[in-house]
Every structure is written in C-alpha cells, then in structure tokens.
Amino acid sequence: MGIMSKSTKTCKGCNTKKPVKAFGKNKSSNDGLQSRCKTCFKNYKQKPRLINSRKLDGVIPKPKFNREQLLNQIEKIRQREQNAETKSENNYDFLWTNKKFY
C-alpha cells in the first residue's frame, strides 16, 4: 500500500477518521502509519508515566517504620512463634539474629 495511498485513516484510540498527516510513522505496520493519531498516541504513552509519578509523589503511601516499631513487631512474632497453638508454617529464624537493622 504505502503512506500516500489513502488520504484518511481511522484512529484506533478515538475511532474518528483523520487525515494521514495526523498519524505518526511506523515502518512495521502495513500502511506505514501508527494505529493511533498523534494526540491519542501521546495520551496512550503518558498514562504509565502518570501512574508512576503518583507513586513517587506520595499519593500511594508506603509504610515507614522506625527501629523501635520494627523491634516491637519482631518481639510479637517471636512470642507468637514460641506458642505451639499460634505457631505458623513460616520460618522466622532470620529475625532473631544479632544483626543490626539499617
């Protein structure tokens, strides 16, 4: 076919017919054009970037524990694991080592 065989193309993103100039080039496609128009393609590419930026901005809170809170949690786990009735299948031996937390 080729790029100049059609004067319009339907965008896969917004489902509207647009002129061929509204589409970017793509050598791997049959007609040599992107399946989305330039504006839809820009929005399509920005979506993951926006999701990742929200994580970095602190919108999705990450738990932060100080040393004292970690040691309290370890002590609770240690007490639970010493009791035969509440002991879990997991191995928590790594928590009772004398290594320092950083």
N, C-alpha and C. Protein backbone atom coordinates (compact mmCIF):
# COMPACT_ATOMS: atom_id res chain seq x y z
N MET A 1 0.83 -1.19 0.00
CA MET A 1 0.00 0.00 0.00
C MET A 1 0.87 1.25 0.00
N GLY A 2 1.30 1.70 1.17
CA GLY A 2 2.12 2.90 1.22
C GLY A 2 1.40 4.01 1.95
N ILE A 3 2.14 5.01 2.29
CA ILE A 3 1.59 6.10 3.09
C ILE A 3 0.62 6.96 2.29
N MET A 4 0.88 7.22 1.03
CA MET A 4 0.08 8.16 0.26
C MET A 4 -1.09 7.49 -0.47
N SER A 5 -1.39 6.22 -0.25
CA SER A 5 -2.48 5.57 -0.97
C SER A 5 -3.85 6.01 -0.45
N LYS A 6 -3.94 6.40 0.82
CA LYS A 6 -5.19 6.89 1.39
C LYS A 6 -4.99 8.32 1.86
N SER A 7 -6.06 9.08 1.91
CA SER A 7 -5.94 10.44 2.42
C SER A 7 -6.45 10.52 3.86
N THR A 8 -7.26 9.52 4.30
CA THR A 8 -7.75 9.49 5.68
C THR A 8 -7.54 8.10 6.27
N LYS A 9 -7.57 8.07 7.59
CA LYS A 9 -7.42 6.81 8.31
C LYS A 9 -8.20 6.91 9.61
N THR A 10 -8.75 5.78 10.09
CA THR A 10 -9.49 5.77 11.34
C THR A 10 -8.53 5.51 12.50
N CYS A 11 -8.62 6.36 13.50
CA CYS A 11 -7.77 6.23 14.68
C CYS A 11 -8.32 5.14 15.58
N LYS A 12 -7.43 4.30 16.08
CA LYS A 12 -7.83 3.22 16.98
C LYS A 12 -8.17 3.74 18.38
N GLY A 13 -7.63 4.89 18.75
CA GLY A 13 -7.85 5.45 20.08
C GLY A 13 -9.18 6.17 20.20
N CYS A 14 -9.47 7.08 19.27
CA CYS A 14 -10.69 7.88 19.38
C CYS A 14 -11.76 7.48 18.36
N ASN A 15 -11.48 6.51 17.49
CA ASN A 15 -12.42 6.00 16.49
C ASN A 15 -12.98 7.09 15.58
N THR A 16 -12.15 8.04 15.20
CA THR A 16 -12.56 9.07 14.25
C THR A 16 -11.66 9.02 13.04
N LYS A 17 -12.23 9.40 11.88
CA LYS A 17 -11.43 9.46 10.66
C LYS A 17 -10.66 10.76 10.66
N LYS A 18 -9.37 10.64 10.44
CA LYS A 18 -8.50 11.81 10.43
C LYS A 18 -7.60 11.75 9.21
N PRO A 19 -7.06 12.90 8.81
CA PRO A 19 -6.12 12.88 7.67
C PRO A 19 -4.84 12.13 8.03
N VAL A 20 -4.18 11.65 7.01
CA VAL A 20 -2.97 10.84 7.19
C VAL A 20 -1.89 11.63 7.92
N LYS A 21 -1.87 12.95 7.78
CA LYS A 21 -0.87 13.78 8.44
C LYS A 21 -1.01 13.76 9.96
N ALA A 22 -2.16 13.35 10.49
CA ALA A 22 -2.40 13.30 11.93
C ALA A 22 -1.78 12.07 12.58
N PHE A 23 -1.22 11.16 11.77
CA PHE A 23 -0.65 9.91 12.27
C PHE A 23 0.86 9.93 12.13
N GLY A 24 1.53 9.33 13.11
CA GLY A 24 2.98 9.20 13.05
C GLY A 24 3.38 8.02 12.18
N LYS A 25 4.66 7.92 11.87
CA LYS A 25 5.16 6.84 11.03
C LYS A 25 5.42 5.58 11.85
N ASN A 26 5.20 4.43 11.22
CA ASN A 26 5.50 3.14 11.83
C ASN A 26 5.85 2.18 10.70
N LYS A 27 7.12 1.86 10.55
CA LYS A 27 7.58 1.02 9.44
C LYS A 27 7.04 -0.40 9.51
N SER A 28 6.72 -0.88 10.70
CA SER A 28 6.29 -2.27 10.84
C SER A 28 4.82 -2.49 10.48
N SER A 29 4.02 -1.44 10.38
CA SER A 29 2.61 -1.62 10.02
C SER A 29 2.46 -1.70 8.50
N ASN A 30 1.31 -2.22 8.05
CA ASN A 30 1.08 -2.42 6.62
C ASN A 30 1.05 -1.11 5.85
N ASP A 31 0.43 -0.09 6.42
CA ASP A 31 0.32 1.18 5.71
C ASP A 31 1.43 2.16 6.07
N GLY A 32 2.31 1.80 6.98
CA GLY A 32 3.43 2.65 7.35
C GLY A 32 3.09 3.73 8.36
N LEU A 33 1.91 3.64 8.99
CA LEU A 33 1.47 4.64 9.95
C LEU A 33 1.12 4.00 11.28
N GLN A 34 1.14 4.81 12.35
CA GLN A 34 0.71 4.35 13.65
C GLN A 34 -0.78 4.05 13.62
N SER A 35 -1.26 3.21 14.53
CA SER A 35 -2.69 2.90 14.58
C SER A 35 -3.48 3.99 15.30
N ARG A 36 -2.80 4.78 16.13
CA ARG A 36 -3.44 5.90 16.83
C ARG A 36 -2.93 7.22 16.26
N CYS A 37 -3.79 8.24 16.30
CA CYS A 37 -3.35 9.56 15.86
C CYS A 37 -2.32 10.09 16.85
N LYS A 38 -1.67 11.18 16.50
CA LYS A 38 -0.58 11.71 17.32
C LYS A 38 -1.06 12.11 18.72
N THR A 39 -2.24 12.70 18.82
CA THR A 39 -2.74 13.11 20.14
C THR A 39 -3.10 11.89 20.99
N CYS A 40 -3.78 10.90 20.40
CA CYS A 40 -4.12 9.69 21.16
C CYS A 40 -2.87 8.91 21.54
N PHE A 41 -1.89 8.87 20.64
CA PHE A 41 -0.65 8.16 20.93
C PHE A 41 0.10 8.82 22.08
N LYS A 42 0.08 10.15 22.10
CA LYS A 42 0.74 10.88 23.19
C LYS A 42 0.06 10.57 24.52
N ASN A 43 -1.27 10.58 24.54
CA ASN A 43 -2.01 10.25 25.77
C ASN A 43 -1.79 8.80 26.18
N TYR A 44 -1.72 7.90 25.20
CA TYR A 44 -1.50 6.48 25.45
C TYR A 44 -0.13 6.25 26.08
N LYS A 45 0.88 6.96 25.61
CA LYS A 45 2.23 6.81 26.15
C LYS A 45 2.40 7.49 27.51
N GLN A 46 1.62 8.54 27.78
CA GLN A 46 1.76 9.26 29.05
C GLN A 46 1.09 8.56 30.20
N LYS A 47 0.13 7.68 29.95
CA LYS A 47 -0.64 7.05 31.02
C LYS A 47 0.24 6.32 32.03
N PRO A 48 1.16 5.42 31.62
CA PRO A 48 2.01 4.76 32.62
C PRO A 48 2.90 5.75 33.38
N ARG A 49 3.33 6.80 32.70
CA ARG A 49 4.17 7.80 33.34
C ARG A 49 3.42 8.50 34.46
N LEU A 50 2.13 8.77 34.23
CA LEU A 50 1.32 9.43 35.25
C LEU A 50 1.11 8.52 36.46
N ILE A 51 0.89 7.23 36.20
CA ILE A 51 0.70 6.28 37.30
C ILE A 51 1.96 6.20 38.15
N ASN A 52 3.13 6.11 37.49
CA ASN A 52 4.39 6.03 38.23
C ASN A 52 4.68 7.32 38.98
N SER A 53 4.32 8.47 38.40
CA SER A 53 4.60 9.73 39.08
C SER A 53 3.76 9.87 40.34
N ARG A 54 2.53 9.30 40.34
CA ARG A 54 1.71 9.34 41.55
C ARG A 54 2.37 8.56 42.66
N LYS A 55 3.00 7.45 42.34
CA LYS A 55 3.70 6.66 43.36
C LYS A 55 4.85 7.47 43.94
N LEU A 56 5.57 8.18 43.09
CA LEU A 56 6.71 8.95 43.56
C LEU A 56 6.28 10.18 44.34
N ASP A 57 5.11 10.73 44.01
CA ASP A 57 4.63 11.93 44.70
C ASP A 57 4.12 11.63 46.10
N GLY A 58 3.97 10.37 46.44
CA GLY A 58 3.49 10.02 47.76
C GLY A 58 1.99 9.85 47.85
N VAL A 59 1.30 9.79 46.70
CA VAL A 59 -0.14 9.57 46.72
C VAL A 59 -0.43 8.18 47.26
N ILE A 60 0.40 7.21 46.88
CA ILE A 60 0.27 5.85 47.41
C ILE A 60 1.23 5.75 48.58
N PRO A 61 0.72 5.77 49.81
CA PRO A 61 1.62 5.81 50.97
C PRO A 61 2.38 4.50 51.16
N LYS A 62 3.63 4.63 51.49
CA LYS A 62 4.45 3.47 51.78
C LYS A 62 4.62 3.40 53.29
N PRO A 63 4.53 2.20 53.87
CA PRO A 63 4.68 2.10 55.33
C PRO A 63 6.11 2.43 55.73
N LYS A 64 6.25 3.25 56.76
CA LYS A 64 7.57 3.61 57.27
C LYS A 64 7.61 3.26 58.75
N PHE A 65 8.57 2.44 59.10
CA PHE A 65 8.73 2.02 60.48
C PHE A 65 10.08 2.47 60.99
N ASN A 66 10.10 2.91 62.19
CA ASN A 66 11.39 3.22 62.79
C ASN A 66 11.93 1.96 63.47
N ARG A 67 13.11 2.04 64.01
CA ARG A 67 13.77 0.87 64.61
C ARG A 67 12.95 0.29 65.76
N GLU A 68 12.40 1.14 66.60
CA GLU A 68 11.62 0.67 67.75
C GLU A 68 10.37 -0.09 67.32
N GLN A 69 9.69 0.42 66.31
CA GLN A 69 8.49 -0.26 65.82
C GLN A 69 8.84 -1.62 65.22
N LEU A 70 9.95 -1.70 64.48
CA LEU A 70 10.38 -2.98 63.92
C LEU A 70 10.70 -3.99 65.02
N LEU A 71 11.41 -3.55 66.03
CA LEU A 71 11.76 -4.45 67.12
C LEU A 71 10.51 -4.93 67.87
N ASN A 72 9.52 -4.05 68.03
CA ASN A 72 8.25 -4.46 68.65
C ASN A 72 7.54 -5.51 67.82
N GLN A 73 7.53 -5.32 66.51
CA GLN A 73 6.90 -6.31 65.62
C GLN A 73 7.62 -7.65 65.71
N ILE A 74 8.95 -7.61 65.74
CA ILE A 74 9.73 -8.85 65.84
C ILE A 74 9.44 -9.56 67.15
N GLU A 75 9.32 -8.79 68.23
CA GLU A 75 9.02 -9.40 69.53
C GLU A 75 7.65 -10.06 69.53
N LYS A 76 6.67 -9.44 68.89
CA LYS A 76 5.33 -10.04 68.78
C LYS A 76 5.38 -11.34 68.00
N ILE A 77 6.13 -11.33 66.91
CA ILE A 77 6.26 -12.55 66.10
C ILE A 77 6.98 -13.63 66.89
N ARG A 78 8.02 -13.25 67.61
CA ARG A 78 8.78 -14.21 68.42
C ARG A 78 7.87 -14.87 69.46
N GLN A 79 7.05 -14.08 70.15
CA GLN A 79 6.14 -14.63 71.16
C GLN A 79 5.10 -15.55 70.52
N ARG A 80 4.59 -15.14 69.37
CA ARG A 80 3.60 -15.96 68.69
C ARG A 80 4.20 -17.28 68.23
N GLU A 81 5.45 -17.25 67.75
CA GLU A 81 6.10 -18.45 67.24
C GLU A 81 6.53 -19.40 68.36
N GLN A 82 6.72 -18.91 69.56
CA GLN A 82 7.09 -19.78 70.68
C GLN A 82 5.89 -20.58 71.19
N ASN A 83 4.71 -20.07 70.98
CA ASN A 83 3.50 -20.77 71.40
C ASN A 83 3.14 -21.82 70.35
N ALA A 84 2.94 -23.06 70.77
CA ALA A 84 2.66 -24.15 69.83
C ALA A 84 1.31 -23.97 69.14
N GLU A 85 0.33 -23.36 69.82
CA GLU A 85 -1.00 -23.19 69.23
C GLU A 85 -1.04 -22.11 68.14
N THR A 86 -0.24 -21.08 68.29
CA THR A 86 -0.27 -19.96 67.34
C THR A 86 0.88 -19.97 66.35
N LYS A 87 1.74 -20.97 66.42
CA LYS A 87 2.91 -21.03 65.54
C LYS A 87 2.48 -21.20 64.09
N SER A 88 3.15 -20.50 63.19
CA SER A 88 2.81 -20.57 61.76
C SER A 88 3.76 -21.52 61.04
N GLU A 89 3.49 -21.73 59.76
CA GLU A 89 4.33 -22.62 58.94
C GLU A 89 5.61 -21.91 58.49
N ASN A 90 5.62 -20.61 58.56
CA ASN A 90 6.77 -19.84 58.06
C ASN A 90 7.95 -19.93 59.02
N ASN A 91 9.13 -19.78 58.46
CA ASN A 91 10.35 -19.82 59.24
C ASN A 91 10.83 -18.39 59.48
N TYR A 92 10.80 -17.96 60.74
CA TYR A 92 11.21 -16.60 61.10
C TYR A 92 12.55 -16.58 61.82
N ASP A 93 13.38 -17.59 61.63
CA ASP A 93 14.67 -17.65 62.32
C ASP A 93 15.56 -16.46 62.00
N PHE A 94 15.43 -15.91 60.81
CA PHE A 94 16.28 -14.79 60.42
C PHE A 94 16.00 -13.55 61.28
N LEU A 95 14.85 -13.48 61.92
CA LEU A 95 14.51 -12.31 62.73
C LEU A 95 15.21 -12.29 64.08
N TRP A 96 15.63 -13.43 64.58
CA TRP A 96 16.23 -13.45 65.92
C TRP A 96 17.75 -13.39 65.87
N THR A 97 18.31 -13.04 64.77
CA THR A 97 19.77 -12.92 64.71
C THR A 97 20.20 -11.63 65.38
N ASN A 98 21.48 -11.48 65.62
CA ASN A 98 22.00 -10.28 66.29
C ASN A 98 22.43 -9.21 65.31
N LYS A 99 22.05 -9.36 64.02
CA LYS A 99 22.43 -8.36 63.02
C LYS A 99 21.65 -7.08 63.26
N LYS A 100 22.28 -5.96 63.00
CA LYS A 100 21.65 -4.67 63.20
C LYS A 100 20.76 -4.32 62.01
N PHE A 101 19.73 -3.54 62.28
CA PHE A 101 18.84 -3.05 61.23
C PHE A 101 19.33 -1.71 60.72
N TYR A 102 19.36 -1.57 59.42
CA TYR A 102 19.78 -0.30 58.82
C TYR A 102 18.68 0.25 57.97
